[in-house]
Amino acid sequence: MNDGLAYILNSRAHAMHVSGIALRIEPRTLEKTLEALRINEALEFHHLEPDTGTAVATIERRTLQDLIDAMHRVEATRGVICADVAYHAFEDATDLTSEPEDAVREQI
């Protein structure tokens, strides 16, 4: 990666990288694996099918490298069969912390 691209991806003062991930988890270890992912990687789960071990979650990190490192740890978590990034975006973290009505007022 060239220095310019690294600067853009990793040094945005207020950037928040957000990825949606699809996971397959061994059904017999589901509860322990989910708990480990919530605690260790701060994954937020949005959908879960316990019978198949299929889950959809989001993960947020300040830099792209932090996100990549976290995904490697998710993939290495005991009970995780696979974890794939389904989408990725980066947002201005100040937008994420402001109140919705403040954002509407700013647009008016």
Protein backbone atom coordinates (compact mmCIF):
# COMPACT_ATOMS: atom_id res chain seq x y z
CA MET A 1 0.00 0.00 0.00
CA ASN A 2 1.42 3.40 -0.91
CA ASP A 3 1.85 6.12 1.72
CA GLY A 4 -0.96 8.30 0.32
CA LEU A 5 -3.53 5.50 0.45
CA ALA A 6 -2.41 4.47 3.93
CA TYR A 7 -2.85 8.08 5.08
CA ILE A 8 -6.38 8.24 3.66
CA LEU A 9 -7.48 4.92 5.14
CA ASN A 10 -5.81 5.10 8.53
CA SER A 11 -5.49 8.71 9.62
CA ARG A 12 -8.94 10.26 9.28
CA ALA A 13 -9.30 11.93 12.64
CA HIS A 14 -13.01 11.19 12.92
CA ALA A 15 -13.39 8.14 10.67
CA MET A 16 -15.15 5.02 11.86
CA HIS A 17 -14.83 1.91 9.71
CA VAL A 18 -17.97 -0.23 9.86
CA SER A 19 -18.30 -3.70 8.36
CA GLY A 20 -21.16 -6.13 8.21
CA ILE A 21 -20.03 -9.72 8.51
CA ALA A 22 -21.69 -13.05 7.84
CA LEU A 23 -20.56 -15.83 10.17
CA ARG A 24 -20.94 -19.58 10.37
CA ILE A 25 -20.49 -20.90 13.88
CA GLU A 26 -20.47 -24.49 15.07
CA PRO A 27 -24.01 -24.92 16.49
CA ARG A 28 -22.77 -26.97 19.47
CA THR A 29 -20.48 -24.10 20.58
CA LEU A 30 -22.83 -21.28 19.59
CA GLU A 31 -23.47 -19.65 22.98
CA LYS A 32 -19.82 -19.67 24.10
CA THR A 33 -18.62 -18.44 20.71
CA LEU A 34 -21.17 -15.61 20.55
CA GLU A 35 -20.25 -14.49 24.05
CA ALA A 36 -16.52 -14.55 23.22
CA LEU A 37 -17.10 -12.48 20.07
CA ARG A 38 -19.26 -9.95 21.92
CA ILE A 39 -16.74 -9.51 24.73
CA ASN A 40 -13.43 -9.80 22.86
CA GLU A 41 -14.26 -8.10 19.57
CA ALA A 42 -17.36 -6.00 20.45
CA LEU A 43 -19.41 -7.57 17.66
CA GLU A 44 -23.03 -6.50 17.56
CA PHE A 45 -25.29 -9.30 16.35
CA HIS A 46 -28.32 -8.45 14.23
CA HIS A 47 -29.53 -11.88 13.11
CA LEU A 48 -28.98 -15.40 14.37
CA GLU A 49 -30.17 -18.82 13.25
CA PRO A 50 -29.21 -21.19 16.08
CA ASP A 51 -30.04 -24.38 14.15
CA THR A 52 -27.50 -23.63 11.42
CA GLY A 53 -25.07 -21.45 13.36
CA THR A 54 -25.54 -18.61 10.87
CA ALA A 55 -25.17 -15.07 12.18
CA VAL A 56 -24.99 -11.52 10.87
CA ALA A 57 -23.05 -8.92 12.86
CA THR A 58 -21.38 -5.55 12.59
CA ILE A 59 -17.93 -4.56 13.71
CA GLU A 60 -16.57 -1.03 14.07
CA ARG A 61 -12.97 0.16 14.30
CA ARG A 62 -11.17 3.51 13.97
CA THR A 63 -8.72 2.39 11.26
CA LEU A 64 -8.87 -0.07 8.42
CA GLN A 65 -5.84 -1.91 9.82
CA ASP A 66 -7.59 -2.29 13.19
CA LEU A 67 -10.60 -3.73 11.36
CA ILE A 68 -8.46 -6.19 9.41
CA ASP A 69 -6.69 -7.29 12.60
CA ALA A 70 -10.02 -7.75 14.39
CA MET A 71 -11.37 -9.84 11.49
CA HIS A 72 -8.35 -12.13 11.74
CA ARG A 73 -9.08 -12.60 15.45
CA VAL A 74 -12.77 -13.27 14.71
CA GLU A 75 -11.79 -15.92 12.16
CA ALA A 76 -9.43 -17.52 14.69
CA THR A 77 -12.04 -17.64 17.46
CA ARG A 78 -12.84 -21.17 18.61
CA GLY A 79 -16.17 -22.26 17.13
CA VAL A 80 -16.08 -19.89 14.13
CA ILE A 81 -16.20 -21.89 10.90
CA CYS A 82 -15.97 -18.84 8.65
CA ALA A 83 -16.44 -15.07 8.80
CA ASP A 84 -16.83 -13.01 5.64
CA VAL A 85 -17.15 -9.26 5.19
CA ALA A 86 -20.49 -8.60 3.47
CA TYR A 87 -20.08 -4.82 3.28
CA HIS A 88 -17.71 -2.11 4.41
CA ALA A 89 -18.09 1.63 4.80
CA PHE A 90 -16.46 4.38 6.72
CA GLU A 91 -18.38 7.15 8.35
CA ASP A 92 -17.55 10.34 10.11
CA ALA A 93 -17.61 9.36 13.79
CA THR A 94 -18.91 12.80 14.74
CA ASP A 95 -22.04 12.03 12.69
CA LEU A 96 -22.50 8.80 14.65
CA THR A 97 -22.40 10.57 18.02
CA SER A 98 -24.64 13.53 17.23
CA GLU A 99 -28.31 13.49 18.01
CA PRO A 100 -30.60 12.81 15.02
CA GLU A 101 -32.40 16.11 15.45
CA ASP A 102 -29.05 17.95 15.37
CA ALA A 103 -28.28 16.36 12.01
CA VAL A 104 -31.68 17.44 10.69
CA ARG A 105 -31.18 20.99 11.98
CA GLU A 106 -27.80 21.15 10.23
CA GLN A 107 -29.44 20.28 6.92
CA ILE A 108 -32.13 22.98 7.21
